């Protein structure tokens, strides 16, 4: 049973960050686990400024592939590795995520001390994680190459 839930608004500024608002990233902490929804370019800096440790993130959900929603992944993952992360990380996203993210994460010279699983979602899934679940639906958005996912009714 869940004893505490905290929400961290790490970035709400849309595709154009400002000094006051970063690109999209919202974290939800469920007891001792954190789930990140989208990972804009500033996500790791916002996490460092918050009381939430990036090392608590176990799952990342990417809603769609506009750059402001996922281009923070390489930096966040490299920083997790620099800090000595060994826990596995799961990344969920629209169909095509495994190919796109595998390519993105292969850029640069670094080695990881943890496993990353990339899971393609089609929409319509109800994913049960024990104390909580995530329901996935397709949404209309301007990204035609990769579909957009709407994540709802988590708790």
N, C-alpha and C. Protein backbone atom coordinates (compact mmCIF):
# COMPACT_ATOMS: atom_id res chain seq x y z
N UNK A 1 0.83 -1.18 0.00
CA UNK A 1 0.00 0.00 0.00
C UNK A 1 0.88 1.25 0.00
N UNK A 2 0.51 2.22 -0.78
CA UNK A 2 1.26 3.47 -0.90
C UNK A 2 1.07 4.31 0.36
N UNK A 3 2.17 4.80 0.92
CA UNK A 3 2.07 5.65 2.10
C UNK A 3 2.29 7.13 1.79
N UNK A 4 2.99 7.44 0.67
CA UNK A 4 3.17 8.85 0.32
C UNK A 4 3.37 9.02 -1.18
N UNK A 5 2.86 10.12 -1.67
CA UNK A 5 3.01 10.52 -3.08
C UNK A 5 3.42 11.98 -3.10
N UNK A 6 4.45 12.29 -3.88
CA UNK A 6 4.89 13.68 -4.06
C UNK A 6 5.04 13.94 -5.55
N UNK A 7 4.66 15.12 -5.99
CA UNK A 7 4.79 15.51 -7.39
C UNK A 7 5.80 16.64 -7.48
N UNK A 8 6.72 16.53 -8.45
CA UNK A 8 7.77 17.53 -8.68
C UNK A 8 7.61 18.08 -10.09
N UNK A 9 7.29 19.34 -10.19
CA UNK A 9 7.20 20.01 -11.49
C UNK A 9 8.59 20.51 -11.85
N UNK A 10 9.31 19.74 -12.62
CA UNK A 10 10.70 20.04 -12.95
C UNK A 10 10.82 20.94 -14.18
N UNK A 11 9.82 20.92 -15.02
CA UNK A 11 9.81 21.75 -16.22
C UNK A 11 8.41 21.81 -16.78
N UNK A 12 7.90 23.02 -16.97
CA UNK A 12 6.53 23.21 -17.48
C UNK A 12 6.49 24.25 -18.59
N UNK A 13 7.66 24.59 -19.15
CA UNK A 13 7.75 25.71 -20.06
C UNK A 13 7.51 25.43 -21.52
N UNK A 14 7.11 24.24 -21.88
CA UNK A 14 6.89 23.95 -23.29
C UNK A 14 8.21 23.89 -24.04
N UNK A 15 8.13 24.07 -25.35
CA UNK A 15 9.31 23.87 -26.19
C UNK A 15 10.32 25.01 -26.10
N UNK A 16 9.94 26.13 -25.55
CA UNK A 16 10.88 27.25 -25.41
C UNK A 16 11.14 27.51 -23.94
N UNK A 17 12.29 27.05 -23.44
CA UNK A 17 12.58 27.29 -22.03
C UNK A 17 12.84 28.78 -21.79
N UNK A 18 12.60 29.19 -20.58
CA UNK A 18 12.90 30.55 -20.16
C UNK A 18 13.73 30.45 -18.88
N UNK A 19 14.30 31.55 -18.42
CA UNK A 19 15.03 31.48 -17.15
C UNK A 19 14.16 31.04 -15.97
N UNK A 20 12.83 31.20 -16.10
CA UNK A 20 11.93 30.83 -15.02
C UNK A 20 11.29 29.46 -15.20
N UNK A 21 11.24 28.95 -16.45
CA UNK A 21 10.54 27.68 -16.71
C UNK A 21 11.35 26.82 -17.67
N UNK A 22 11.58 25.57 -17.27
CA UNK A 22 12.33 24.63 -18.09
C UNK A 22 11.41 23.80 -18.98
N UNK A 23 12.02 23.03 -19.88
CA UNK A 23 11.26 22.18 -20.78
C UNK A 23 10.60 21.04 -19.99
N UNK A 24 9.60 20.36 -20.60
CA UNK A 24 8.75 19.43 -19.86
C UNK A 24 9.47 18.29 -19.13
N UNK A 25 9.13 18.15 -17.88
CA UNK A 25 9.58 17.04 -17.04
C UNK A 25 8.80 17.12 -15.73
N UNK A 26 8.11 16.04 -15.41
CA UNK A 26 7.38 15.96 -14.15
C UNK A 26 7.73 14.63 -13.51
N UNK A 27 8.07 14.66 -12.24
CA UNK A 27 8.38 13.44 -11.51
C UNK A 27 7.32 13.20 -10.45
N UNK A 28 7.02 11.93 -10.25
CA UNK A 28 6.12 11.54 -9.17
C UNK A 28 6.88 10.54 -8.31
N UNK A 29 6.94 10.85 -7.03
CA UNK A 29 7.59 9.93 -6.10
C UNK A 29 6.51 9.16 -5.36
N UNK A 30 6.58 7.86 -5.50
CA UNK A 30 5.65 6.95 -4.83
C UNK A 30 6.47 6.20 -3.80
N UNK A 31 6.29 6.58 -2.54
CA UNK A 31 7.12 6.03 -1.46
C UNK A 31 8.60 6.23 -1.81
N UNK A 32 9.35 5.17 -2.05
CA UNK A 32 10.79 5.31 -2.29
C UNK A 32 11.17 5.24 -3.77
N UNK A 33 10.20 5.19 -4.65
CA UNK A 33 10.45 5.09 -6.10
C UNK A 33 9.99 6.37 -6.79
N UNK A 34 10.74 6.80 -7.79
CA UNK A 34 10.34 7.97 -8.57
C UNK A 34 10.10 7.55 -10.01
N UNK A 35 9.09 8.17 -10.61
CA UNK A 35 8.75 7.95 -12.01
C UNK A 35 8.84 9.31 -12.69
N UNK A 36 9.55 9.38 -13.79
CA UNK A 36 9.72 10.63 -14.52
C UNK A 36 8.86 10.59 -15.77
N UNK A 37 8.09 11.63 -15.99
CA UNK A 37 7.28 11.78 -17.19
C UNK A 37 7.88 12.88 -18.04
N UNK A 38 8.41 12.48 -19.18
CA UNK A 38 9.14 13.33 -20.11
C UNK A 38 10.46 13.78 -19.47
N UNK A 39 11.40 14.12 -20.34
CA UNK A 39 12.74 14.45 -19.87
C UNK A 39 13.33 15.51 -20.79
N UNK A 40 12.88 16.74 -20.60
CA UNK A 40 13.41 17.85 -21.37
C UNK A 40 14.87 18.10 -21.04
N UNK A 41 15.50 18.97 -21.83
CA UNK A 41 16.94 19.21 -21.72
C UNK A 41 17.40 19.62 -20.33
N UNK A 42 16.54 20.21 -19.55
CA UNK A 42 16.94 20.74 -18.25
C UNK A 42 16.57 19.82 -17.09
N UNK A 43 16.10 18.63 -17.38
CA UNK A 43 15.59 17.75 -16.32
C UNK A 43 16.62 17.45 -15.24
N UNK A 44 17.86 17.15 -15.64
CA UNK A 44 18.83 16.77 -14.60
C UNK A 44 19.18 17.96 -13.70
N UNK A 45 19.26 19.15 -14.25
CA UNK A 45 19.56 20.33 -13.42
C UNK A 45 18.39 20.60 -12.48
N UNK A 46 17.16 20.49 -12.99
CA UNK A 46 15.98 20.68 -12.14
C UNK A 46 15.94 19.65 -11.02
N UNK A 47 16.31 18.41 -11.34
CA UNK A 47 16.36 17.37 -10.31
C UNK A 47 17.40 17.72 -9.24
N UNK A 48 18.55 18.22 -9.66
CA UNK A 48 19.60 18.59 -8.71
C UNK A 48 19.16 19.72 -7.79
N UNK A 49 18.30 20.60 -8.28
CA UNK A 49 17.79 21.70 -7.47
C UNK A 49 16.64 21.28 -6.56
N UNK A 50 16.04 20.13 -6.85
CA UNK A 50 14.90 19.66 -6.06
C UNK A 50 15.37 18.78 -4.91
N UNK A 51 14.43 18.33 -4.11
CA UNK A 51 14.76 17.40 -3.02
C UNK A 51 14.68 15.94 -3.46
N UNK A 52 14.41 15.71 -4.75
CA UNK A 52 14.29 14.36 -5.29
C UNK A 52 15.61 13.93 -5.92
N UNK A 53 16.13 12.81 -5.47
CA UNK A 53 17.37 12.28 -6.04
C UNK A 53 17.08 11.61 -7.39
N UNK A 54 17.88 11.94 -8.40
CA UNK A 54 17.71 11.29 -9.70
C UNK A 54 17.96 9.79 -9.60
N UNK A 55 18.67 9.36 -8.58
CA UNK A 55 18.97 7.94 -8.41
C UNK A 55 17.73 7.15 -7.99
N UNK A 56 16.68 7.83 -7.54
CA UNK A 56 15.43 7.16 -7.15
C UNK A 56 14.55 6.86 -8.37
N UNK A 57 14.87 7.44 -9.52
CA UNK A 57 14.04 7.24 -10.72
C UNK A 57 14.23 5.80 -11.21
N UNK A 58 13.13 5.08 -11.30
CA UNK A 58 13.16 3.69 -11.77
C UNK A 58 12.56 3.55 -13.16
N UNK A 59 11.63 4.48 -13.48
CA UNK A 59 10.93 4.43 -14.76
C UNK A 59 10.85 5.83 -15.34
N UNK A 60 11.01 5.91 -16.67
CA UNK A 60 10.82 7.17 -17.38
C UNK A 60 9.82 6.91 -18.50
N UNK A 61 8.79 7.73 -18.57
CA UNK A 61 7.80 7.65 -19.63
C UNK A 61 7.96 8.86 -20.54
N UNK A 62 8.16 8.61 -21.82
CA UNK A 62 8.25 9.67 -22.82
C UNK A 62 6.92 9.70 -23.57
N UNK A 63 6.26 10.85 -23.59
CA UNK A 63 4.94 10.92 -24.20
C UNK A 63 5.00 11.00 -25.73
N UNK A 64 6.02 11.70 -26.26
CA UNK A 64 6.17 11.79 -27.71
C UNK A 64 7.55 12.35 -28.03
N UNK A 65 7.87 12.37 -29.31
CA UNK A 65 9.24 12.69 -29.69
C UNK A 65 9.43 14.07 -30.30
N UNK A 66 8.87 15.07 -29.67
CA UNK A 66 9.32 16.43 -29.89
C UNK A 66 10.52 16.60 -28.95
N UNK A 67 11.56 17.28 -29.42
CA UNK A 67 12.81 17.36 -28.68
C UNK A 67 12.68 17.81 -27.25
N UNK A 68 11.75 18.72 -26.98
CA UNK A 68 11.62 19.23 -25.62
C UNK A 68 11.10 18.19 -24.63
N UNK A 69 10.69 17.03 -25.11
CA UNK A 69 10.17 15.99 -24.23
C UNK A 69 11.15 14.85 -23.97
N UNK A 70 12.26 14.79 -24.75
CA UNK A 70 13.15 13.65 -24.55
C UNK A 70 14.65 13.94 -24.67
N UNK A 71 15.04 15.11 -25.12
CA UNK A 71 16.47 15.35 -25.36
C UNK A 71 17.30 15.50 -24.09
N UNK A 72 16.69 15.49 -22.95
CA UNK A 72 17.43 15.49 -21.69
C UNK A 72 17.89 14.11 -21.26
N UNK A 73 17.42 13.06 -21.95
CA UNK A 73 17.76 11.69 -21.55
C UNK A 73 19.27 11.39 -21.55
N UNK A 74 20.01 11.72 -22.62
CA UNK A 74 21.44 11.37 -22.60
C UNK A 74 22.19 11.97 -21.40
N UNK A 75 21.96 13.24 -21.13
CA UNK A 75 22.64 13.88 -20.01
C UNK A 75 22.23 13.30 -18.67
N UNK A 76 20.94 13.05 -18.50
CA UNK A 76 20.46 12.48 -17.24
C UNK A 76 21.05 11.09 -17.03
N UNK A 77 21.04 10.27 -18.06
CA UNK A 77 21.56 8.90 -17.93
C UNK A 77 23.07 8.90 -17.69
N UNK A 78 23.80 9.77 -18.38
CA UNK A 78 25.24 9.85 -18.14
C UNK A 78 25.53 10.30 -16.71
N UNK A 79 24.78 11.26 -16.22
CA UNK A 79 24.98 11.75 -14.85
C UNK A 79 24.66 10.65 -13.85
N UNK A 80 23.59 9.89 -14.08
CA UNK A 80 23.28 8.76 -13.20
C UNK A 80 24.47 7.79 -13.14
N UNK A 81 25.07 7.54 -14.29
CA UNK A 81 26.22 6.64 -14.34
C UNK A 81 27.42 7.23 -13.60
N UNK A 82 27.69 8.52 -13.80
CA UNK A 82 28.79 9.18 -13.10
C UNK A 82 28.63 9.09 -11.58
N UNK A 83 27.36 9.15 -11.12
CA UNK A 83 27.08 9.07 -9.68
C UNK A 83 27.09 7.63 -9.16
N UNK A 84 27.36 6.66 -10.05
CA UNK A 84 27.52 5.28 -9.61
C UNK A 84 26.25 4.46 -9.58
N UNK A 85 25.26 4.84 -10.34
CA UNK A 85 24.02 4.07 -10.37
C UNK A 85 24.30 2.64 -10.82
N UNK A 86 23.65 1.68 -10.16
CA UNK A 86 23.72 0.28 -10.58
C UNK A 86 22.32 -0.31 -10.79
N UNK A 87 21.30 0.36 -10.27
CA UNK A 87 19.92 -0.12 -10.42
C UNK A 87 19.48 -0.01 -11.88
N UNK A 88 18.73 -0.98 -12.38
CA UNK A 88 18.25 -0.90 -13.76
C UNK A 88 17.27 0.27 -13.94
N UNK A 89 17.16 0.74 -15.17
CA UNK A 89 16.25 1.83 -15.52
C UNK A 89 15.36 1.36 -16.66
N UNK A 90 14.06 1.64 -16.54
CA UNK A 90 13.11 1.30 -17.59
C UNK A 90 12.64 2.58 -18.24
N UNK A 91 12.67 2.61 -19.58
CA UNK A 91 12.18 3.77 -20.33
C UNK A 91 11.04 3.29 -21.23
N UNK A 92 9.91 3.96 -21.12
CA UNK A 92 8.72 3.62 -21.90
C UNK A 92 8.41 4.78 -22.84
N UNK A 93 7.97 4.45 -24.05
CA UNK A 93 7.61 5.49 -24.99
C UNK A 93 6.79 4.92 -26.13
N UNK A 94 6.36 5.79 -27.04
CA UNK A 94 5.55 5.35 -28.18
C UNK A 94 6.30 4.35 -29.05
N UNK A 95 5.55 3.68 -29.90
CA UNK A 95 6.14 2.74 -30.85
C UNK A 95 7.31 3.40 -31.55
N UNK A 96 8.42 2.70 -31.65
CA UNK A 96 9.63 3.23 -32.25
C UNK A 96 10.64 3.70 -31.23
N UNK A 97 10.26 3.70 -29.97
CA UNK A 97 11.15 4.18 -28.90
C UNK A 97 12.42 3.36 -28.81
N UNK A 98 12.31 2.04 -28.92
CA UNK A 98 13.50 1.20 -28.75
C UNK A 98 14.56 1.55 -29.79
N UNK A 99 14.15 1.81 -31.01
CA UNK A 99 15.11 2.16 -32.06
C UNK A 99 15.66 3.57 -31.85
N UNK A 100 14.76 4.54 -31.68
CA UNK A 100 15.17 5.94 -31.54
C UNK A 100 16.06 6.14 -30.31
N UNK A 101 15.65 5.61 -29.18
CA UNK A 101 16.40 5.84 -27.95
C UNK A 101 17.70 5.05 -27.91
N UNK A 102 17.73 3.86 -28.49
CA UNK A 102 18.99 3.11 -28.58
C UNK A 102 20.02 3.91 -29.36
N UNK A 103 19.59 4.52 -30.47
CA UNK A 103 20.50 5.37 -31.25
C UNK A 103 20.94 6.59 -30.46
N UNK A 104 19.99 7.25 -29.80
CA UNK A 104 20.31 8.45 -29.03
C UNK A 104 21.29 8.15 -27.91
N UNK A 105 21.08 7.05 -27.22
CA UNK A 105 21.92 6.73 -26.06
C UNK A 105 23.27 6.15 -26.45
N UNK A 106 23.45 5.84 -27.74
CA UNK A 106 24.75 5.34 -28.19
C UNK A 106 25.70 6.47 -28.56
N UNK A 107 25.22 7.69 -28.53
CA UNK A 107 26.05 8.85 -28.87
C UNK A 107 26.92 9.21 -27.67
N UNK A 108 28.18 9.46 -27.91
CA UNK A 108 29.08 9.89 -26.85
C UNK A 108 29.94 8.76 -26.35
N UNK A 109 30.92 9.12 -25.54
CA UNK A 109 31.87 8.15 -24.99
C UNK A 109 31.67 8.07 -23.49
N UNK A 110 30.92 7.10 -23.07
CA UNK A 110 30.70 6.84 -21.65
C UNK A 110 30.28 5.39 -21.51
N UNK A 111 30.45 4.86 -20.34
CA UNK A 111 29.99 3.49 -20.11
C UNK A 111 28.98 3.53 -18.96
N UNK A 112 28.02 2.64 -19.05
CA UNK A 112 26.99 2.58 -18.03
C UNK A 112 27.28 1.45 -17.07
N UNK A 113 26.93 1.67 -15.81
CA UNK A 113 27.06 0.65 -14.77
C UNK A 113 25.71 0.01 -14.47
N UNK A 114 24.71 0.29 -15.31
CA UNK A 114 23.36 -0.22 -15.06
C UNK A 114 22.70 -0.55 -16.39
N UNK A 115 21.71 -1.44 -16.32
CA UNK A 115 20.97 -1.84 -17.51
C UNK A 115 19.83 -0.88 -17.78
N UNK A 116 19.56 -0.66 -19.06
CA UNK A 116 18.42 0.14 -19.49
C UNK A 116 17.54 -0.73 -20.36
N UNK A 117 16.26 -0.78 -20.02
CA UNK A 117 15.26 -1.46 -20.85
C UNK A 117 14.41 -0.40 -21.51
N UNK A 118 14.21 -0.52 -22.81
CA UNK A 118 13.37 0.43 -23.54
C UNK A 118 12.15 -0.34 -24.05
N UNK A 119 10.97 0.13 -23.67
CA UNK A 119 9.74 -0.58 -23.96
C UNK A 119 8.85 0.29 -24.84
N UNK A 120 8.48 -0.25 -26.01
CA UNK A 120 7.55 0.44 -26.90
C UNK A 120 6.11 0.25 -26.42
N UNK A 121 5.36 1.33 -26.39
CA UNK A 121 3.95 1.29 -26.01
C UNK A 121 3.09 1.63 -27.23
N UNK A 122 1.99 0.94 -27.37
CA UNK A 122 1.13 1.14 -28.54
C UNK A 122 -0.10 1.98 -28.22
N UNK A 123 -0.42 2.12 -26.98
CA UNK A 123 -1.66 2.78 -26.58
C UNK A 123 -2.68 1.71 -26.24
N UNK A 124 -3.42 1.91 -25.18
CA UNK A 124 -4.39 0.94 -24.74
C UNK A 124 -3.87 0.03 -23.63
N UNK A 125 -2.59 0.09 -23.34
CA UNK A 125 -2.03 -0.75 -22.29
C UNK A 125 -2.45 -0.25 -20.91
N UNK A 126 -2.65 -1.19 -20.02
CA UNK A 126 -2.81 -0.89 -18.60
C UNK A 126 -1.68 -1.62 -17.90
N UNK A 127 -0.68 -0.89 -17.48
CA UNK A 127 0.52 -1.49 -16.91
C UNK A 127 0.43 -1.46 -15.39
N UNK A 128 0.44 -2.63 -14.79
CA UNK A 128 0.31 -2.78 -13.35
C UNK A 128 1.70 -2.93 -12.73
N UNK A 129 2.05 -2.01 -11.84
CA UNK A 129 3.34 -2.04 -11.17
C UNK A 129 3.19 -2.33 -9.68
N UNK A 130 2.17 -3.06 -9.33
CA UNK A 130 1.97 -3.42 -7.92
C UNK A 130 1.10 -2.40 -7.22
N UNK A 131 1.72 -1.42 -6.57
CA UNK A 131 0.96 -0.41 -5.83
C UNK A 131 0.32 0.64 -6.72
N UNK A 132 0.73 0.72 -7.96
CA UNK A 132 0.15 1.70 -8.88
C UNK A 132 0.12 1.11 -10.28
N UNK A 133 -0.67 1.75 -11.13
CA UNK A 133 -0.71 1.33 -12.53
C UNK A 133 -0.68 2.57 -13.42
N UNK A 134 -0.26 2.36 -14.65
CA UNK A 134 -0.24 3.44 -15.64
C UNK A 134 -1.06 2.97 -16.83
N UNK A 135 -2.02 3.78 -17.22
CA UNK A 135 -2.83 3.48 -18.39
C UNK A 135 -2.36 4.36 -19.54
N UNK A 136 -2.22 3.75 -20.69
CA UNK A 136 -1.66 4.44 -21.84
C UNK A 136 -2.72 4.53 -22.94
N UNK A 137 -2.87 5.70 -23.53
CA UNK A 137 -3.81 5.90 -24.64
C UNK A 137 -3.13 6.73 -25.71
N UNK A 138 -3.56 6.55 -26.94
CA UNK A 138 -3.05 7.39 -28.02
C UNK A 138 -3.70 8.77 -27.93
N UNK A 139 -2.94 9.78 -28.32
CA UNK A 139 -3.45 11.15 -28.32
C UNK A 139 -3.09 11.80 -29.65
N UNK A 140 -3.88 12.72 -30.09
CA UNK A 140 -3.57 13.45 -31.32
C UNK A 140 -2.63 14.59 -30.99
N UNK A 141 -1.52 14.62 -31.71
CA UNK A 141 -0.53 15.68 -31.54
C UNK A 141 0.17 15.81 -32.88
N UNK A 142 1.10 16.73 -33.00
CA UNK A 142 1.67 17.01 -34.32
C UNK A 142 2.83 16.11 -34.71
N UNK A 143 3.21 15.15 -33.88
CA UNK A 143 4.30 14.26 -34.22
C UNK A 143 3.76 13.07 -35.00
N UNK A 144 3.93 13.05 -36.33
CA UNK A 144 3.37 11.99 -37.16
C UNK A 144 4.27 10.77 -37.26
N UNK A 145 5.56 10.96 -37.19
CA UNK A 145 6.47 9.83 -37.35
C UNK A 145 6.33 8.84 -36.19
N UNK A 146 6.21 9.37 -34.99
CA UNK A 146 6.01 8.54 -33.81
C UNK A 146 4.72 9.01 -33.16
N UNK A 147 3.89 8.07 -32.72
CA UNK A 147 2.63 8.48 -32.10
C UNK A 147 2.85 9.14 -30.75
N UNK A 148 1.83 9.83 -30.29
CA UNK A 148 1.85 10.48 -28.99
C UNK A 148 1.03 9.63 -28.02
N UNK A 149 1.52 9.49 -26.80
CA UNK A 149 0.82 8.72 -25.79
C UNK A 149 0.29 9.64 -24.72
N UNK A 150 -0.87 9.32 -24.22
CA UNK A 150 -1.48 10.02 -23.10
C UNK A 150 -1.46 9.06 -21.93
N UNK A 151 -0.85 9.46 -20.85
CA UNK A 151 -0.75 8.62 -19.67
C UNK A 151 -1.76 9.13 -18.64
N UNK A 152 -2.62 8.24 -18.15
CA UNK A 152 -3.66 8.73 -17.26
C UNK A 152 -4.02 7.74 -16.18
N UNK A 153 -4.73 8.26 -15.20
CA UNK A 153 -5.21 7.49 -14.05
C UNK A 153 -4.14 6.61 -13.45
N UNK A 154 -3.15 7.24 -12.96
CA UNK A 154 -2.02 6.49 -12.44
C UNK A 154 -2.30 5.87 -11.07
N UNK A 155 -2.99 6.57 -10.19
CA UNK A 155 -3.19 6.07 -8.81
C UNK A 155 -4.66 5.93 -8.52
